[in-house]
């Protein structure tokens, strides 16, 4: 979905580190003791009240939106987000992330 492959070679069953040019971030598996109390629906319910939202800058929001939709990623379009400037999306676990165009202020 991100268009990049993990760069780490250790703990690959539970950890993935990504280099995106301007930032590095990691995703990790939810520990089993926490995961057993976490319900993930199909489709996932957006968790819009989480304290962290990843925002990815893209060259063309509308083409990236179409690409993500082709991967069955649920897109959210809050009224505050103008077409072509930004769009929220929901990952397979319900976490909300955003894509925005270069030079556009993030739409929180």
C-alpha atoms as a PDB file:
ATOM      1  CA  UNK A   1       0.000   0.000   0.000  1.00  0.00           C
ATOM      2  CA  UNK A   2       2.852   2.410   0.817  1.00  0.00           C
ATOM      3  CA  UNK A   3       4.783   1.661  -2.350  1.00  0.00           C
ATOM      4  CA  UNK A   4       7.900   0.829  -0.329  1.00  0.00           C
ATOM      5  CA  UNK A   5       9.329  -2.350   1.138  1.00  0.00           C
ATOM      6  CA  UNK A   6      10.426  -2.855   4.744  1.00  0.00           C
ATOM      7  CA  UNK A   7      14.129  -2.174   5.294  1.00  0.00           C
ATOM      8  CA  UNK A   8      14.697  -4.216   8.447  1.00  0.00           C
ATOM      9  CA  UNK A   9      16.136  -7.747   8.485  1.00  0.00           C
ATOM     10  CA  UNK A  10      15.479  -8.612  12.132  1.00  0.00           C
ATOM     11  CA  UNK A  11      12.144  -9.487  13.794  1.00  0.00           C
ATOM     12  CA  UNK A  12      10.447  -9.561  10.392  1.00  0.00           C
ATOM     13  CA  UNK A  13       7.595 -11.680  11.756  1.00  0.00           C
ATOM     14  CA  UNK A  14       6.457  -8.854  14.048  1.00  0.00           C
ATOM     15  CA  UNK A  15       8.207  -5.626  12.997  1.00  0.00           C
ATOM     16  CA  UNK A  16       8.633  -3.639   9.757  1.00  0.00           C
ATOM     17  CA  UNK A  17      10.674  -0.450   9.328  1.00  0.00           C
ATOM     18  CA  UNK A  18      10.107   1.782   6.306  1.00  0.00           C
ATOM     19  CA  UNK A  19      12.226   4.550   4.774  1.00  0.00           C
ATOM     20  CA  UNK A  20      10.122   7.103   2.915  1.00  0.00           C
ATOM     21  CA  UNK A  21      12.793   9.579   1.852  1.00  0.00           C
ATOM     22  CA  UNK A  22      12.047  12.219   4.468  1.00  0.00           C
ATOM     23  CA  UNK A  23      11.109   9.991   7.378  1.00  0.00           C
ATOM     24  CA  UNK A  24      11.551   6.545   8.831  1.00  0.00           C
ATOM     25  CA  UNK A  25       8.806   4.756  10.723  1.00  0.00           C
ATOM     26  CA  UNK A  26       8.055   1.286  11.997  1.00  0.00           C
ATOM     27  CA  UNK A  27       4.937  -0.818  12.272  1.00  0.00           C
ATOM     28  CA  UNK A  28       4.759  -3.678  14.736  1.00  0.00           C
ATOM     29  CA  UNK A  29       2.396  -6.493  15.591  1.00  0.00           C
ATOM     30  CA  UNK A  30       0.006  -5.951  18.475  1.00  0.00           C
ATOM     31  CA  UNK A  31       1.132  -8.079  21.452  1.00  0.00           C
ATOM     32  CA  UNK A  32      -1.091 -11.143  21.868  1.00  0.00           C
ATOM     33  CA  UNK A  33      -2.335 -10.086  25.332  1.00  0.00           C
ATOM     34  CA  UNK A  34      -3.602  -6.804  23.860  1.00  0.00           C
ATOM     35  CA  UNK A  35      -4.786  -8.249  20.547  1.00  0.00           C
ATOM     36  CA  UNK A  36      -7.141 -10.698  22.287  1.00  0.00           C
ATOM     37  CA  UNK A  37      -9.145  -7.707  23.568  1.00  0.00           C
ATOM     38  CA  UNK A  38      -9.101  -5.823  20.262  1.00  0.00           C
ATOM     39  CA  UNK A  39     -11.979  -6.357  17.870  1.00  0.00           C
ATOM     40  CA  UNK A  40     -11.261  -5.694  14.207  1.00  0.00           C
ATOM     41  CA  UNK A  41     -14.352  -5.829  12.052  1.00  0.00           C
ATOM     42  CA  UNK A  42     -14.725  -6.433   8.374  1.00  0.00           C
ATOM     43  CA  UNK A  43     -14.825  -3.780   7.168  1.00  0.00           C
ATOM     44  CA  UNK A  44     -12.884  -2.227  10.057  1.00  0.00           C
ATOM     45  CA  UNK A  45     -14.505   0.534  12.086  1.00  0.00           C
ATOM     46  CA  UNK A  46     -12.478   3.748  11.714  1.00  0.00           C
ATOM     47  CA  UNK A  47     -10.695   4.618  14.963  1.00  0.00           C
ATOM     48  CA  UNK A  48     -10.810   8.378  14.521  1.00  0.00           C
ATOM     49  CA  UNK A  49     -10.184   9.208  18.182  1.00  0.00           C
ATOM     50  CA  UNK A  50      -6.683   7.674  18.351  1.00  0.00           C
ATOM     51  CA  UNK A  51      -3.913  10.064  19.449  1.00  0.00           C
ATOM     52  CA  UNK A  52      -1.699   9.390  16.400  1.00  0.00           C
ATOM     53  CA  UNK A  53      -2.436   9.909  12.713  1.00  0.00           C
ATOM     54  CA  UNK A  54       0.173   9.243  10.053  1.00  0.00           C
ATOM     55  CA  UNK A  55       0.097  11.750   7.197  1.00  0.00           C
ATOM     56  CA  UNK A  56       1.736  10.920   3.880  1.00  0.00           C
ATOM     57  CA  UNK A  57       2.563  13.630   1.356  1.00  0.00           C
ATOM     58  CA  UNK A  58       1.874  12.556  -2.238  1.00  0.00           C
ATOM     59  CA  UNK A  59       2.371  14.249  -5.610  1.00  0.00           C
ATOM     60  CA  UNK A  60      -1.229  13.762  -6.787  1.00  0.00           C
ATOM     61  CA  UNK A  61      -3.948  13.132  -4.187  1.00  0.00           C
ATOM     62  CA  UNK A  62      -6.616  12.078  -6.690  1.00  0.00           C
ATOM     63  CA  UNK A  63      -4.418   9.433  -8.406  1.00  0.00           C
ATOM     64  CA  UNK A  64      -3.253   8.112  -5.033  1.00  0.00           C
ATOM     65  CA  UNK A  65      -6.848   8.023  -3.851  1.00  0.00           C
ATOM     66  CA  UNK A  66      -7.795   5.958  -6.939  1.00  0.00           C
ATOM     67  CA  UNK A  67      -4.837   3.610  -6.351  1.00  0.00           C
ATOM     68  CA  UNK A  68      -5.773   3.063  -2.701  1.00  0.00           C
ATOM     69  CA  UNK A  69      -9.431   2.497  -3.604  1.00  0.00           C
ATOM     70  CA  UNK A  70      -8.308  -0.138  -6.153  1.00  0.00           C
ATOM     71  CA  UNK A  71      -6.660  -1.934  -3.200  1.00  0.00           C
ATOM     72  CA  UNK A  72     -10.027  -1.859  -1.357  1.00  0.00           C
ATOM     73  CA  UNK A  73      -8.783   0.766   1.132  1.00  0.00           C
ATOM     74  CA  UNK A  74     -11.719   2.658   2.604  1.00  0.00           C
ATOM     75  CA  UNK A  75     -11.461   6.386   1.978  1.00  0.00           C
ATOM     76  CA  UNK A  76     -13.035   9.037   4.198  1.00  0.00           C
ATOM     77  CA  UNK A  77     -13.770  12.504   2.904  1.00  0.00           C
ATOM     78  CA  UNK A  78     -14.523  14.844   5.801  1.00  0.00           C
ATOM     79  CA  UNK A  79     -16.070  18.136   4.618  1.00  0.00           C
ATOM     80  CA  UNK A  80     -12.996  20.064   5.818  1.00  0.00           C
ATOM     81  CA  UNK A  81     -10.829  18.310   3.210  1.00  0.00           C
ATOM     82  CA  UNK A  82     -10.924  19.870  -0.243  1.00  0.00           C
ATOM     83  CA  UNK A  83     -10.733  17.650  -3.293  1.00  0.00           C
ATOM     84  CA  UNK A  84      -7.157  17.368  -4.540  1.00  0.00           C
ATOM     85  CA  UNK A  85      -5.631  18.633  -1.281  1.00  0.00           C
ATOM     86  CA  UNK A  86      -6.133  15.749   1.105  1.00  0.00           C
ATOM     87  CA  UNK A  87      -8.090  12.685   2.053  1.00  0.00           C
ATOM     88  CA  UNK A  88      -8.311  10.385   5.074  1.00  0.00           C
ATOM     89  CA  UNK A  89      -8.237   6.612   4.717  1.00  0.00           C
ATOM     90  CA  UNK A  90      -8.732   3.589   6.970  1.00  0.00           C
ATOM     91  CA  UNK A  91      -6.120   0.841   7.195  1.00  0.00           C
ATOM     92  CA  UNK A  92      -7.138  -2.828   7.593  1.00  0.00           C
ATOM     93  CA  UNK A  93      -7.126  -2.506  11.411  1.00  0.00           C
ATOM     94  CA  UNK A  94      -9.250   0.656  11.498  1.00  0.00           C
ATOM     95  CA  UNK A  95      -6.448   3.178  12.025  1.00  0.00           C
ATOM     96  CA  UNK A  96      -7.038   6.438  10.160  1.00  0.00           C
ATOM     97  CA  UNK A  97      -4.219   7.904   8.073  1.00  0.00           C
ATOM     98  CA  UNK A  98      -4.126  10.754   5.616  1.00  0.00           C
ATOM     99  CA  UNK A  99      -2.703  11.567   2.226  1.00  0.00           C
ATOM    100  CA  UNK A 100      -2.171  15.206   1.308  1.00  0.00           C
ATOM    101  CA  UNK A 101      -0.670  17.091  -1.581  1.00  0.00           C
ATOM    102  CA  UNK A 102       2.783  18.577  -1.408  1.00  0.00           C
ATOM    103  CA  UNK A 103       2.799  21.984   0.229  1.00  0.00           C
ATOM    104  CA  UNK A 104      -0.708  21.626   1.687  1.00  0.00           C
ATOM    105  CA  UNK A 105      -1.250  22.065   5.393  1.00  0.00           C
ATOM    106  CA  UNK A 106      -2.390  18.852   7.034  1.00  0.00           C
ATOM    107  CA  UNK A 107      -6.103  18.528   7.627  1.00  0.00           C
ATOM    108  CA  UNK A 108      -6.369  17.166  11.129  1.00  0.00           C
END
